[in-house]
Amino acid sequence: MPAFRTDQVEAMVAQTVSIAGANGDQIGAYIARPTTPGDHPAVVLIHSAPGCGDWYHEATLRFARRGYIAICSNLYHRLGHGSVEEVSARVREAGGVADAEVVGDVHGAMQHVRGIAGHNGKVGVIGSCSGGRHSYLVACQTPDLDAAVDLWGGGVVARPEELTPKRPVAAIDMTQHLNAPLLGIFGNDDANPSPEAVDTLEVALRAAGKQYAFHRYDGAGHGFMHYDGANYR
């Protein structure tokens, strides 16, 4: 990423759009992109609970300022609208969202950005917490992905008793199919994923010969990059 210059020209547009998600369903997505000349890579942001709120909207804008076509799909669109807290309650009551549906929605976002003029063909994904786990899943099920980032994704390492009909497979068991370089960011004071779970994931990545880089921080817990939360460090 180039260093900021005081003479650089910034121009972008941002808006909520409707895209085709899993099973062709129309879902909402927030997209921000540069309008400056040149080819731009794309990044799909995968939100965590409680949903696609202010932090993810602002993160989408920050990527666009740095020259990316950035998009964040509303993975909870099918459960209706309301405040982030209201929608999050419905998601919890429904037992979460299905992995297959999330992967389909992310693929839909990838297809959407690939059709935007000025896209250079490169697409990465980034997600935090449950979105970090989903980022790992997408990277294991998408052959044409260029990079993936897992921000403290809880549940990548899962015991059999933790699996559900909506989460039928432990993400770590898909590691051999990882199709893109992986960046992992973790806090050593986190409980989900715990440092031991991150160790387990790293062993699996090494055993599968995958390209990855992990950064782990002492004194940081879950969600430590969310500057609007109590765990911000």
C-alpha atoms as a PDB file:
ATOM      1  CA  MET A   1       0.000   0.000   0.000  1.00  0.00           C
ATOM      2  CA  PRO A   2       1.605   3.307  -1.053  1.00  0.00           C
ATOM      3  CA  ALA A   3       2.390   5.925   1.584  1.00  0.00           C
ATOM      4  CA  PHE A   4       0.016   8.866   1.880  1.00  0.00           C
ATOM      5  CA  ARG A   5       1.069  12.012   0.029  1.00  0.00           C
ATOM      6  CA  THR A   6      -0.323  15.482   0.598  1.00  0.00           C
ATOM      7  CA  ASP A   7      -0.622  16.049  -3.142  1.00  0.00           C
ATOM      8  CA  GLN A   8      -2.500  12.853  -3.914  1.00  0.00           C
ATOM      9  CA  VAL A   9      -5.910  13.187  -5.511  1.00  0.00           C
ATOM     10  CA  GLU A  10      -8.788  11.349  -3.848  1.00  0.00           C
ATOM     11  CA  ALA A  11     -12.178  10.774  -5.401  1.00  0.00           C
ATOM     12  CA  MET A  12     -14.636   8.015  -4.647  1.00  0.00           C
ATOM     13  CA  VAL A  13     -18.297   7.075  -4.528  1.00  0.00           C
ATOM     14  CA  ALA A  14     -20.079   5.036  -1.859  1.00  0.00           C
ATOM     15  CA  GLN A  15     -23.602   3.703  -1.794  1.00  0.00           C
ATOM     16  CA  THR A  16     -25.889   0.855  -0.799  1.00  0.00           C
ATOM     17  CA  VAL A  17     -26.684  -1.445  -3.714  1.00  0.00           C
ATOM     18  CA  SER A  18     -28.554  -4.683  -4.317  1.00  0.00           C
ATOM     19  CA  ILE A  19     -26.543  -7.699  -5.496  1.00  0.00           C
ATOM     20  CA  ALA A  20     -27.236 -11.349  -6.252  1.00  0.00           C
ATOM     21  CA  GLY A  21     -26.216 -13.493  -3.303  1.00  0.00           C
ATOM     22  CA  ALA A  22     -26.572 -17.194  -2.520  1.00  0.00           C
ATOM     23  CA  ASN A  23     -29.246 -18.950  -4.595  1.00  0.00           C
ATOM     24  CA  GLY A  24     -29.712 -15.761  -6.612  1.00  0.00           C
ATOM     25  CA  ASP A  25     -31.323 -13.945  -3.665  1.00  0.00           C
ATOM     26  CA  GLN A  26     -31.150 -10.162  -3.834  1.00  0.00           C
ATOM     27  CA  ILE A  27     -29.333  -8.808  -0.781  1.00  0.00           C
ATOM     28  CA  GLY A  28     -28.092  -5.388   0.236  1.00  0.00           C
ATOM     29  CA  ALA A  29     -24.425  -4.438   0.135  1.00  0.00           C
ATOM     30  CA  TYR A  30     -22.425  -1.321   0.904  1.00  0.00           C
ATOM     31  CA  ILE A  31     -19.840  -0.512  -1.731  1.00  0.00           C
ATOM     32  CA  ALA A  32     -17.192   2.200  -1.957  1.00  0.00           C
ATOM     33  CA  ARG A  33     -14.800   2.633  -4.858  1.00  0.00           C
ATOM     34  CA  PRO A  34     -12.318   5.130  -6.242  1.00  0.00           C
ATOM     35  CA  THR A  35     -13.294   7.167  -9.285  1.00  0.00           C
ATOM     36  CA  THR A  36      -9.681   8.024 -10.059  1.00  0.00           C
ATOM     37  CA  PRO A  37      -8.087   6.584 -13.225  1.00  0.00           C
ATOM     38  CA  GLY A  38      -6.270   3.292 -13.160  1.00  0.00           C
ATOM     39  CA  ASP A  39      -6.985  -0.332 -12.363  1.00  0.00           C
ATOM     40  CA  HIS A  40      -8.056  -1.092  -8.818  1.00  0.00           C
ATOM     41  CA  PRO A  41      -7.966  -4.332  -6.815  1.00  0.00           C
ATOM     42  CA  ALA A  42     -11.056  -5.324  -4.858  1.00  0.00           C
ATOM     43  CA  VAL A  43     -11.703  -6.487  -1.312  1.00  0.00           C
ATOM     44  CA  VAL A  44     -14.831  -8.106   0.090  1.00  0.00           C
ATOM     45  CA  LEU A  45     -15.398  -7.352   3.768  1.00  0.00           C
ATOM     46  CA  ILE A  46     -17.206 -10.092   5.723  1.00  0.00           C
ATOM     47  CA  HIS A  47     -18.903  -8.604   8.759  1.00  0.00           C
ATOM     48  CA  SER A  48     -19.166 -10.202  12.160  1.00  0.00           C
ATOM     49  CA  ALA A  49     -22.023 -10.119  14.631  1.00  0.00           C
ATOM     50  CA  PRO A  50     -23.863  -7.911  15.339  1.00  0.00           C
ATOM     51  CA  GLY A  51     -23.897  -7.089  11.624  1.00  0.00           C
ATOM     52  CA  CYS A  52     -22.878  -4.656   8.923  1.00  0.00           C
ATOM     53  CA  GLY A  53     -22.858  -1.623  11.205  1.00  0.00           C
ATOM     54  CA  ASP A  54     -20.828   1.581  11.426  1.00  0.00           C
ATOM     55  CA  TRP A  55     -17.423  -0.085  11.899  1.00  0.00           C
ATOM     56  CA  TYR A  56     -17.749  -2.112   8.707  1.00  0.00           C
ATOM     57  CA  HIS A  57     -19.118   0.833   6.745  1.00  0.00           C
ATOM     58  CA  GLU A  58     -16.164   2.932   7.852  1.00  0.00           C
ATOM     59  CA  ALA A  59     -13.700   0.122   7.103  1.00  0.00           C
ATOM     60  CA  THR A  60     -15.186  -0.155   3.601  1.00  0.00           C
ATOM     61  CA  LEU A  61     -14.622   3.575   3.088  1.00  0.00           C
ATOM     62  CA  ARG A  62     -11.035   3.337   4.345  1.00  0.00           C
ATOM     63  CA  PHE A  63     -10.214   0.627   1.811  1.00  0.00           C
ATOM     64  CA  ALA A  64     -11.685   2.767  -0.959  1.00  0.00           C
ATOM     65  CA  ARG A  65      -9.543   5.738   0.118  1.00  0.00           C
ATOM     66  CA  ARG A  66      -6.515   3.498  -0.327  1.00  0.00           C
ATOM     67  CA  GLY A  67      -7.446   2.583  -3.884  1.00  0.00           C
ATOM     68  CA  TYR A  68      -9.547  -0.550  -3.461  1.00  0.00           C
ATOM     69  CA  ILE A  69     -13.004  -1.338  -4.740  1.00  0.00           C
ATOM     70  CA  ALA A  70     -14.513  -2.401  -1.406  1.00  0.00           C
ATOM     71  CA  ILE A  71     -17.831  -4.098  -0.715  1.00  0.00           C
ATOM     72  CA  CYS A  72     -19.545  -5.407   2.422  1.00  0.00           C
ATOM     73  CA  SER A  73     -22.648  -7.523   1.904  1.00  0.00           C
ATOM     74  CA  ASN A  74     -25.413  -7.617   4.498  1.00  0.00           C
ATOM     75  CA  LEU A  75     -25.305 -11.311   5.399  1.00  0.00           C
ATOM     76  CA  TYR A  76     -28.383 -10.860   7.599  1.00  0.00           C
ATOM     77  CA  HIS A  77     -30.528  -9.280   4.866  1.00  0.00           C
ATOM     78  CA  ARG A  78     -32.957 -12.209   4.733  1.00  0.00           C
ATOM     79  CA  LEU A  79     -33.923 -11.746   8.398  1.00  0.00           C
ATOM     80  CA  GLY A  80     -35.329  -8.283   7.833  1.00  0.00           C
ATOM     81  CA  HIS A  81     -34.274  -4.773   8.729  1.00  0.00           C
ATOM     82  CA  GLY A  82     -34.093  -2.624  11.819  1.00  0.00           C
ATOM     83  CA  SER A  83     -31.386  -1.471  14.186  1.00  0.00           C
ATOM     84  CA  VAL A  84     -28.207  -3.536  14.308  1.00  0.00           C
ATOM     85  CA  GLU A  85     -29.264  -4.776  17.749  1.00  0.00           C
ATOM     86  CA  GLU A  86     -32.719  -5.833  16.524  1.00  0.00           C
ATOM     87  CA  VAL A  87     -31.343  -7.713  13.542  1.00  0.00           C
ATOM     88  CA  SER A  88     -28.625  -9.340  15.647  1.00  0.00           C
ATOM     89  CA  ALA A  89     -31.287 -10.644  18.046  1.00  0.00           C
ATOM     90  CA  ARG A  90     -33.125 -12.269  15.144  1.00  0.00           C
ATOM     91  CA  VAL A  91     -29.888 -13.881  13.962  1.00  0.00           C
ATOM     92  CA  ARG A  92     -29.225 -15.331  17.414  1.00  0.00           C
ATOM     93  CA  GLU A  93     -32.795 -16.625  17.623  1.00  0.00           C
ATOM     94  CA  ALA A  94     -32.351 -18.299  14.233  1.00  0.00           C
ATOM     95  CA  GLY A  95     -29.144 -19.976  15.366  1.00  0.00           C
ATOM     96  CA  GLY A  96     -26.928 -17.884  13.126  1.00  0.00           C
ATOM     97  CA  VAL A  97     -26.570 -17.958   9.363  1.00  0.00           C
ATOM     98  CA  ALA A  98     -25.653 -21.041   7.353  1.00  0.00           C
ATOM     99  CA  ASP A  99     -22.078 -21.392   6.120  1.00  0.00           C
ATOM    100  CA  ALA A 100     -23.210 -22.270   2.607  1.00  0.00           C
ATOM    101  CA  GLU A 101     -25.377 -19.152   2.451  1.00  0.00           C
ATOM    102  CA  VAL A 102     -22.541 -16.900   3.605  1.00  0.00           C
ATOM    103  CA  VAL A 103     -20.101 -18.374   1.087  1.00  0.00           C
ATOM    104  CA  GLY A 104     -22.701 -17.871  -1.648  1.00  0.00           C
ATOM    105  CA  ASP A 105     -23.253 -14.255  -0.609  1.00  0.00           C
ATOM    106  CA  VAL A 106     -19.513 -13.562  -0.627  1.00  0.00           C
ATOM    107  CA  HIS A 107     -19.170 -15.162  -4.042  1.00  0.00           C
ATOM    108  CA  GLY A 108     -21.975 -12.881  -5.211  1.00  0.00           C
ATOM    109  CA  ALA A 109     -20.061  -9.845  -3.927  1.00  0.00           C
ATOM    110  CA  MET A 110     -16.941 -11.054  -5.725  1.00  0.00           C
ATOM    111  CA  GLN A 111     -18.845 -11.388  -8.966  1.00  0.00           C
ATOM    112  CA  HIS A 112     -20.313  -7.928  -8.506  1.00  0.00           C
ATOM    113  CA  VAL A 113     -16.947  -6.195  -8.116  1.00  0.00           C
ATOM    114  CA  ARG A 114     -15.476  -8.133 -11.026  1.00  0.00           C
ATOM    115  CA  GLY A 115     -18.066  -6.448 -13.234  1.00  0.00           C
ATOM    116  CA  ILE A 116     -17.094  -2.905 -12.223  1.00  0.00           C
ATOM    117  CA  ALA A 117     -15.129  -0.845 -14.724  1.00  0.00           C
ATOM    118  CA  GLY A 118     -11.591  -0.248 -13.512  1.00  0.00           C
ATOM    119  CA  HIS A 119     -11.283  -3.521 -11.573  1.00  0.00           C
ATOM    120  CA  ASN A 120      -7.888  -5.132 -12.173  1.00  0.00           C
ATOM    121  CA  GLY A 121      -9.016  -8.730 -11.656  1.00  0.00           C
ATOM    122  CA  LYS A 122      -7.626  -9.129  -8.115  1.00  0.00           C
ATOM    123  CA  VAL A 123     -10.017  -9.921  -5.234  1.00  0.00           C
ATOM    124  CA  GLY A 124      -9.309 -10.542  -1.565  1.00  0.00           C
ATOM    125  CA  VAL A 125     -11.535 -11.150   1.464  1.00  0.00           C
ATOM    126  CA  ILE A 126     -11.232  -9.936   5.051  1.00  0.00           C
ATOM    127  CA  GLY A 127     -13.428 -10.643   8.049  1.00  0.00           C
ATOM    128  CA  SER A 128     -13.359 -10.431  11.829  1.00  0.00           C
ATOM    129  CA  CYS A 129     -14.676 -12.800  14.511  1.00  0.00           C
ATOM    130  CA  SER A 130     -17.342 -14.944  12.789  1.00  0.00           C
ATOM    131  CA  GLY A 131     -16.383 -13.090   9.617  1.00  0.00           C
ATOM    132  CA  GLY A 132     -12.788 -14.254  10.100  1.00  0.00           C
ATOM    133  CA  ARG A 133     -14.010 -17.836  10.151  1.00  0.00           C
ATOM    134  CA  HIS A 134     -16.111 -17.143   7.078  1.00  0.00           C
ATOM    135  CA  SER A 135     -13.079 -15.600   5.363  1.00  0.00           C
ATOM    136  CA  TYR A 136     -11.220 -18.887   5.981  1.00  0.00           C
ATOM    137  CA  LEU A 137     -14.150 -20.896   4.602  1.00  0.00           C
ATOM    138  CA  VAL A 138     -14.351 -18.741   1.482  1.00  0.00           C
ATOM    139  CA  ALA A 139     -10.613 -19.087   0.904  1.00  0.00           C
ATOM    140  CA  CYS A 140     -10.973 -22.886   1.081  1.00  0.00           C
ATOM    141  CA  GLN A 141     -13.883 -22.971  -1.375  1.00  0.00           C
ATOM    142  CA  THR A 142     -12.954 -20.336  -3.955  1.00  0.00           C
ATOM    143  CA  PRO A 143     -10.388 -21.165  -6.640  1.00  0.00           C
ATOM    144  CA  ASP A 144     -10.024 -17.615  -8.014  1.00  0.00           C
ATOM    145  CA  LEU A 145      -9.283 -15.748  -4.769  1.00  0.00           C
ATOM    146  CA  ASP A 146      -6.051 -13.766  -4.434  1.00  0.00           C
ATOM    147  CA  ALA A 147      -5.775 -13.200  -0.661  1.00  0.00           C
ATOM    148  CA  ALA A 148      -7.636 -13.820   2.600  1.00  0.00           C
ATOM    149  CA  VAL A 149      -7.430 -12.185   6.021  1.00  0.00           C
ATOM    150  CA  ASP A 150      -8.707 -13.804   9.219  1.00  0.00           C
ATOM    151  CA  LEU A 151      -9.086 -11.293  12.050  1.00  0.00           C
ATOM    152  CA  TRP A 152      -9.405 -13.360  15.262  1.00  0.00           C
ATOM    153  CA  GLY A 153     -11.836 -15.779  13.631  1.00  0.00           C
ATOM    154  CA  GLY A 154     -13.438 -17.850  16.362  1.00  0.00           C
ATOM    155  CA  GLY A 155     -14.540 -21.395  15.609  1.00  0.00           C
ATOM    156  CA  VAL A 156     -12.102 -22.174  12.798  1.00  0.00           C
ATOM    157  CA  VAL A 157     -10.862 -24.922  15.103  1.00  0.00           C
ATOM    158  CA  ALA A 158     -14.015 -26.711  16.298  1.00  0.00           C
ATOM    159  CA  ARG A 159     -14.752 -29.907  18.177  1.00  0.00           C
ATOM    160  CA  PRO A 160     -17.314 -32.341  16.697  1.00  0.00           C
ATOM    161  CA  GLU A 161     -19.868 -31.451  19.372  1.00  0.00           C
ATOM    162  CA  GLU A 162     -19.674 -27.782  18.319  1.00  0.00           C
ATOM    163  CA  LEU A 163     -20.818 -28.478  14.760  1.00  0.00           C
ATOM    164  CA  THR A 164     -24.415 -27.763  13.751  1.00  0.00           C
ATOM    165  CA  PRO A 165     -26.573 -28.162  10.639  1.00  0.00           C
ATOM    166  CA  LYS A 166     -25.656 -24.591   9.718  1.00  0.00           C
ATOM    167  CA  ARG A 167     -21.986 -25.194  10.498  1.00  0.00           C
ATOM    168  CA  PRO A 168     -21.583 -28.814   9.444  1.00  0.00           C
ATOM    169  CA  VAL A 169     -17.814 -28.897   8.935  1.00  0.00           C
ATOM    170  CA  ALA A 170     -14.935 -27.529  10.996  1.00  0.00           C
ATOM    171  CA  ALA A 171     -13.152 -24.921   8.879  1.00  0.00           C
ATOM    172  CA  ILE A 172      -9.747 -26.281   9.860  1.00  0.00           C
ATOM    173  CA  ASP A 173     -10.668 -29.574   8.180  1.00  0.00           C
ATOM    174  CA  MET A 174     -10.755 -27.720   4.835  1.00  0.00           C
ATOM    175  CA  THR A 175      -7.186 -26.432   5.179  1.00  0.00           C
ATOM    176  CA  GLN A 176      -5.801 -28.638   2.411  1.00  0.00           C
ATOM    177  CA  HIS A 177      -8.102 -26.785   0.000  1.00  0.00           C
ATOM    178  CA  LEU A 178      -6.956 -23.273   0.985  1.00  0.00           C
ATOM    179  CA  ASN A 179      -6.559 -21.461  -2.321  1.00  0.00           C
ATOM    180  CA  ALA A 180      -5.016 -18.128  -1.344  1.00  0.00           C
ATOM    181  CA  PRO A 181      -2.276 -16.677   0.876  1.00  0.00           C
ATOM    182  CA  LEU A 182      -3.663 -16.169   4.383  1.00  0.00           C
ATOM    183  CA  LEU A 183      -2.966 -13.361   6.859  1.00  0.00           C
ATOM    184  CA  GLY A 184      -4.065 -13.996  10.441  1.00  0.00           C
ATOM    185  CA  ILE A 185      -4.310 -11.337  13.165  1.00  0.00           C
ATOM    186  CA  PHE A 186      -4.885 -12.542  16.735  1.00  0.00           C
ATOM    187  CA  GLY A 187      -4.824 -11.313  20.327  1.00  0.00           C
ATOM    188  CA  ASN A 188      -3.093 -13.516  22.853  1.00  0.00           C
ATOM    189  CA  ASP A 189      -5.676 -12.610  25.517  1.00  0.00           C
ATOM    190  CA  ASP A 190      -8.540 -13.845  23.332  1.00  0.00           C
ATOM    191  CA  ALA A 191     -10.614 -16.853  24.382  1.00  0.00           C
ATOM    192  CA  ASN A 192     -12.195 -17.503  20.963  1.00  0.00           C
ATOM    193  CA  PRO A 193      -9.894 -18.241  19.283  1.00  0.00           C
ATOM    194  CA  SER A 194      -7.629 -19.087  22.169  1.00  0.00           C
ATOM    195  CA  PRO A 195      -3.840 -19.027  21.682  1.00  0.00           C
ATOM    196  CA  GLU A 196      -3.986 -22.839  21.727  1.00  0.00           C
ATOM    197  CA  ALA A 197      -6.525 -22.839  18.877  1.00  0.00           C
ATOM    198  CA  VAL A 198      -4.300 -20.501  16.861  1.00  0.00           C
ATOM    199  CA  ASP A 199      -1.378 -22.875  17.499  1.00  0.00           C
ATOM    200  CA  THR A 200      -3.484 -25.772  16.207  1.00  0.00           C
ATOM    201  CA  LEU A 201      -4.427 -23.857  13.075  1.00  0.00           C
ATOM    202  CA  GLU A 202      -0.823 -22.924  12.411  1.00  0.00           C
ATOM    203  CA  VAL A 203       0.237 -26.578  12.669  1.00  0.00           C
ATOM    204  CA  ALA A 204      -2.447 -27.524  10.122  1.00  0.00           C
ATOM    205  CA  LEU A 205      -1.353 -24.779   7.705  1.00  0.00           C
ATOM    206  CA  ARG A 206       2.287 -25.818   7.924  1.00  0.00           C
ATOM    207  CA  ALA A 207       1.414 -29.481   7.450  1.00  0.00           C
ATOM    208  CA  ALA A 208      -0.584 -28.607   4.315  1.00  0.00           C
ATOM    209  CA  GLY A 209       2.256 -26.475   2.946  1.00  0.00           C
ATOM    210  CA  LYS A 210       0.113 -23.332   2.766  1.00  0.00           C
ATOM    211  CA  GLN A 211       1.360 -19.758   2.457  1.00  0.00           C
ATOM    212  CA  TYR A 212       0.401 -17.803   5.553  1.00  0.00           C
ATOM    213  CA  ALA A 213       1.577 -15.174   8.045  1.00  0.00           C
ATOM    214  CA  PHE A 214       0.261 -14.832  11.588  1.00  0.00           C
ATOM    215  CA  HIS A 215       0.679 -11.796  13.843  1.00  0.00           C
ATOM    216  CA  ARG A 216      -0.176 -12.300  17.499  1.00  0.00           C
ATOM    217  CA  TYR A 217      -0.335  -9.541  20.098  1.00  0.00           C
ATOM    218  CA  ASP A 218       0.112  -9.689  23.868  1.00  0.00           C
ATOM    219  CA  GLY A 219      -2.325  -7.609  25.904  1.00  0.00           C
ATOM    220  CA  ALA A 220      -4.962  -7.787  23.160  1.00  0.00           C
ATOM    221  CA  GLY A 221      -8.255  -9.641  23.466  1.00  0.00           C
ATOM    222  CA  HIS A 222     -11.153 -10.302  21.126  1.00  0.00           C
ATOM    223  CA  GLY A 223     -12.030  -7.515  18.696  1.00  0.00           C
ATOM    224  CA  PHE A 224      -9.074  -5.348  19.719  1.00  0.00           C
ATOM    225  CA  MET A 225      -9.103  -3.427  16.421  1.00  0.00           C
ATOM    226  CA  HIS A 226     -12.743  -2.358  16.827  1.00  0.00           C
ATOM    227  CA  TYR A 227     -12.145   1.204  17.980  1.00  0.00           C
ATOM    228  CA  ASP A 228     -15.778   1.612  19.029  1.00  0.00           C
ATOM    229  CA  GLY A 229     -15.634  -1.241  21.546  1.00  0.00           C
ATOM    230  CA  ALA A 230     -14.375  -1.796  25.076  1.00  0.00           C
ATOM    231  CA  ASN A 231     -11.637  -4.201  23.926  1.00  0.00           C
ATOM    232  CA  TYR A 232      -9.917  -1.672  21.663  1.00  0.00           C
ATOM    233  CA  ARG A 233      -6.138  -1.683  22.112  1.00  0.00           C
END
